[in-house]
Amino acid sequence: QVQLAESGGGSVQTGGSLRLACAGSRYSHSSGCMAWFRQAPGKEREGGASICSAGFTTYADSVKGRFTVSRDNAKKTLYLQRNTLKPEDTAMYYCAAGGWGILPRFYPYWGQGTQVPISS
């Protein structure tokens, strides 16, 4: 069974930066796409960024220019570098695998999530 585990969450001040990591096991990181999603309190889960095996990336408009997704296939790890953080970036962040694009319904495998509160 595919297992994904996020790390790197924690409180950050507005304007700050933070990198999230997602370690995968029993999943081939050399094929398919992986992605980061987020869910703010009281809102639906929304796409942030995805990256496919060829390195092709897709970003939601809300994070484009501020977030960078990357993956290290040798380490089987997905990363999300987030800069210029805003209070509205406060959410539970999830990594997902085995799908494509930035719509949650296209991904079958999910991590448990990591909380990232942004303080003003």
C-alpha atoms as a PDB file:
ATOM      1  CA  GLN A   1       0.000   0.000   0.000  1.00  0.00           C
ATOM      2  CA  VAL A   2       1.312   3.445  -0.935  1.00  0.00           C
ATOM      3  CA  GLN A   3       2.228   5.569   2.070  1.00  0.00           C
ATOM      4  CA  LEU A   4       2.849   9.314   2.055  1.00  0.00           C
ATOM      5  CA  ALA A   5       4.034  11.325   5.053  1.00  0.00           C
ATOM      6  CA  GLU A   6       4.210  15.122   5.145  1.00  0.00           C
ATOM      7  CA  SER A   7       6.618  17.066   7.342  1.00  0.00           C
ATOM      8  CA  GLY A   8       7.819  20.626   7.803  1.00  0.00           C
ATOM      9  CA  GLY A   9       4.617  22.221   9.035  1.00  0.00           C
ATOM     10  CA  GLY A  10       4.537  24.790  11.779  1.00  0.00           C
ATOM     11  CA  SER A  11       3.670  28.386  12.537  1.00  0.00           C
ATOM     12  CA  VAL A  12       5.195  31.043  10.278  1.00  0.00           C
ATOM     13  CA  GLN A  13       4.806  34.804  10.242  1.00  0.00           C
ATOM     14  CA  THR A  14       3.314  36.705   7.327  1.00  0.00           C
ATOM     15  CA  GLY A  15       5.927  37.258   4.654  1.00  0.00           C
ATOM     16  CA  GLY A  16       8.000  34.321   5.825  1.00  0.00           C
ATOM     17  CA  SER A  17       9.014  31.128   4.041  1.00  0.00           C
ATOM     18  CA  LEU A  18       8.721  27.441   4.797  1.00  0.00           C
ATOM     19  CA  ARG A  19       9.454  24.232   2.948  1.00  0.00           C
ATOM     20  CA  LEU A  20       7.239  21.182   3.236  1.00  0.00           C
ATOM     21  CA  ALA A  21       8.389  17.669   2.428  1.00  0.00           C
ATOM     22  CA  CYS A  22       6.487  14.507   1.588  1.00  0.00           C
ATOM     23  CA  ALA A  23       8.215  11.163   1.855  1.00  0.00           C
ATOM     24  CA  GLY A  24       6.688   8.316  -0.091  1.00  0.00           C
ATOM     25  CA  SER A  25       7.016   4.592   0.222  1.00  0.00           C
ATOM     26  CA  ARG A  26       5.781   1.733  -1.916  1.00  0.00           C
ATOM     27  CA  TYR A  27       5.281   4.241  -4.721  1.00  0.00           C
ATOM     28  CA  SER A  28       7.274   4.668  -7.896  1.00  0.00           C
ATOM     29  CA  HIS A  29       8.410   8.270  -7.912  1.00  0.00           C
ATOM     30  CA  SER A  30       9.720   7.945 -11.435  1.00  0.00           C
ATOM     31  CA  SER A  31       6.251   7.736 -12.962  1.00  0.00           C
ATOM     32  CA  GLY A  32       3.056   9.713 -12.681  1.00  0.00           C
ATOM     33  CA  CYS A  33       2.414  12.988 -10.929  1.00  0.00           C
ATOM     34  CA  MET A  34       2.535  14.100  -7.337  1.00  0.00           C
ATOM     35  CA  ALA A  35       0.880  17.163  -5.943  1.00  0.00           C
ATOM     36  CA  TRP A  36       0.285  19.411  -2.963  1.00  0.00           C
ATOM     37  CA  PHE A  37      -3.198  20.390  -1.900  1.00  0.00           C
ATOM     38  CA  ARG A  38      -4.472  22.458   0.967  1.00  0.00           C
ATOM     39  CA  GLN A  39      -7.651  22.822   2.949  1.00  0.00           C
ATOM     40  CA  ALA A  40      -8.400  25.916   4.965  1.00  0.00           C
ATOM     41  CA  PRO A  41     -10.837  25.763   7.893  1.00  0.00           C
ATOM     42  CA  GLY A  42     -14.401  25.616   6.616  1.00  0.00           C
ATOM     43  CA  LYS A  43     -13.370  25.365   2.981  1.00  0.00           C
ATOM     44  CA  GLU A  44     -13.017  22.624   0.408  1.00  0.00           C
ATOM     45  CA  ARG A  45      -9.701  21.058  -0.412  1.00  0.00           C
ATOM     46  CA  GLU A  46      -8.029  22.892  -3.264  1.00  0.00           C
ATOM     47  CA  GLY A  47      -5.085  22.294  -5.501  1.00  0.00           C
ATOM     48  CA  GLY A  48      -1.799  24.020  -5.029  1.00  0.00           C
ATOM     49  CA  ALA A  49       0.849  22.531  -7.253  1.00  0.00           C
ATOM     50  CA  SER A  50       1.690  19.323  -9.073  1.00  0.00           C
ATOM     51  CA  ILE A  51       4.787  17.866 -10.684  1.00  0.00           C
ATOM     52  CA  CYS A  52       5.020  14.932 -13.043  1.00  0.00           C
ATOM     53  CA  SER A  53       7.826  12.498 -13.759  1.00  0.00           C
ATOM     54  CA  ALA A  54       9.072  14.552 -16.713  1.00  0.00           C
ATOM     55  CA  GLY A  55       9.339  17.602 -14.456  1.00  0.00           C
ATOM     56  CA  PHE A  56       6.273  19.339 -15.835  1.00  0.00           C
ATOM     57  CA  THR A  57       4.658  21.527 -13.164  1.00  0.00           C
ATOM     58  CA  THR A  58       1.219  23.047 -12.727  1.00  0.00           C
ATOM     59  CA  TYR A  59       0.265  25.723 -10.211  1.00  0.00           C
ATOM     60  CA  ALA A  60      -3.007  27.135  -8.986  1.00  0.00           C
ATOM     61  CA  ASP A  61      -3.364  30.881  -9.539  1.00  0.00           C
ATOM     62  CA  SER A  62      -3.467  31.451  -5.783  1.00  0.00           C
ATOM     63  CA  VAL A  63       0.097  30.193  -5.321  1.00  0.00           C
ATOM     64  CA  LYS A  64       1.712  30.851  -8.687  1.00  0.00           C
ATOM     65  CA  GLY A  65       4.890  32.864  -8.289  1.00  0.00           C
ATOM     66  CA  ARG A  66       5.127  32.218  -4.541  1.00  0.00           C
ATOM     67  CA  PHE A  67       5.223  28.424  -4.258  1.00  0.00           C
ATOM     68  CA  THR A  68       7.634  26.039  -5.988  1.00  0.00           C
ATOM     69  CA  VAL A  69       7.062  22.293  -6.209  1.00  0.00           C
ATOM     70  CA  SER A  70       9.938  19.891  -6.765  1.00  0.00           C
ATOM     71  CA  ARG A  71      10.708  16.221  -6.335  1.00  0.00           C
ATOM     72  CA  ASP A  72      13.764  14.117  -5.648  1.00  0.00           C
ATOM     73  CA  ASN A  73      13.132  10.699  -7.146  1.00  0.00           C
ATOM     74  CA  ALA A  74      16.258   9.207  -5.582  1.00  0.00           C
ATOM     75  CA  LYS A  75      15.079  10.246  -2.108  1.00  0.00           C
ATOM     76  CA  LYS A  76      11.443   9.504  -2.978  1.00  0.00           C
ATOM     77  CA  THR A  77      10.496  12.898  -1.627  1.00  0.00           C
ATOM     78  CA  LEU A  78       8.236  15.697  -2.841  1.00  0.00           C
ATOM     79  CA  TYR A  79       8.851  19.285  -1.733  1.00  0.00           C
ATOM     80  CA  LEU A  80       6.886  22.511  -1.628  1.00  0.00           C
ATOM     81  CA  GLN A  81       8.845  25.712  -1.086  1.00  0.00           C
ATOM     82  CA  ARG A  82       6.495  28.458  -0.003  1.00  0.00           C
ATOM     83  CA  ASN A  83       7.582  32.090   0.041  1.00  0.00           C
ATOM     84  CA  THR A  84       5.897  35.382   0.858  1.00  0.00           C
ATOM     85  CA  LEU A  85       3.349  33.599   3.010  1.00  0.00           C
ATOM     86  CA  LYS A  86       0.023  35.277   3.699  1.00  0.00           C
ATOM     87  CA  PRO A  87      -2.573  34.685   6.424  1.00  0.00           C
ATOM     88  CA  GLU A  88      -4.873  33.164   3.783  1.00  0.00           C
ATOM     89  CA  ASP A  89      -2.243  30.453   3.224  1.00  0.00           C
ATOM     90  CA  THR A  90      -3.189  29.046   6.619  1.00  0.00           C
ATOM     91  CA  ALA A  91      -4.409  25.513   5.960  1.00  0.00           C
ATOM     92  CA  MET A  92      -3.787  21.832   6.348  1.00  0.00           C
ATOM     93  CA  TYR A  93      -1.407  20.861   3.555  1.00  0.00           C
ATOM     94  CA  TYR A  94      -1.611  17.414   1.972  1.00  0.00           C
ATOM     95  CA  CYS A  95       0.546  15.626  -0.533  1.00  0.00           C
ATOM     96  CA  ALA A  96      -0.968  13.224  -3.018  1.00  0.00           C
ATOM     97  CA  ALA A  97       0.308  10.812  -5.642  1.00  0.00           C
ATOM     98  CA  GLY A  98      -0.745   8.636  -8.513  1.00  0.00           C
ATOM     99  CA  GLY A  99      -2.789  11.217 -10.353  1.00  0.00           C
ATOM    100  CA  TRP A 100      -2.427  14.273 -12.571  1.00  0.00           C
ATOM    101  CA  GLY A 101      -3.201  17.969 -12.511  1.00  0.00           C
ATOM    102  CA  ILE A 102      -4.352  19.911  -9.471  1.00  0.00           C
ATOM    103  CA  LEU A 103      -7.838  18.575  -8.868  1.00  0.00           C
ATOM    104  CA  PRO A 104      -8.109  16.407  -5.735  1.00  0.00           C
ATOM    105  CA  ARG A 105     -10.482  13.886  -7.302  1.00  0.00           C
ATOM    106  CA  PHE A 106      -7.761  12.696  -9.706  1.00  0.00           C
ATOM    107  CA  TYR A 107      -5.450  11.452  -6.952  1.00  0.00           C
ATOM    108  CA  PRO A 108      -5.911   8.058  -5.247  1.00  0.00           C
ATOM    109  CA  TYR A 109      -3.109   8.247  -2.659  1.00  0.00           C
ATOM    110  CA  TRP A 110      -2.965  10.809   0.148  1.00  0.00           C
ATOM    111  CA  GLY A 111      -0.864  11.718   3.149  1.00  0.00           C
ATOM    112  CA  GLN A 112      -2.321  12.632   6.539  1.00  0.00           C
ATOM    113  CA  GLY A 113      -1.541  16.321   6.171  1.00  0.00           C
ATOM    114  CA  THR A 114       0.525  18.872   8.059  1.00  0.00           C
ATOM    115  CA  GLN A 115      -0.849  22.032   9.622  1.00  0.00           C
ATOM    116  CA  VAL A 116       0.618  25.377   8.652  1.00  0.00           C
ATOM    117  CA  PRO A 117      -0.779  28.390  10.495  1.00  0.00           C
ATOM    118  CA  ILE A 118       0.359  31.810   9.260  1.00  0.00           C
ATOM    119  CA  SER A 119       0.398  34.533  11.879  1.00  0.00           C
ATOM    120  CA  SER A 120       0.073  38.212  11.035  1.00  0.00           C
END
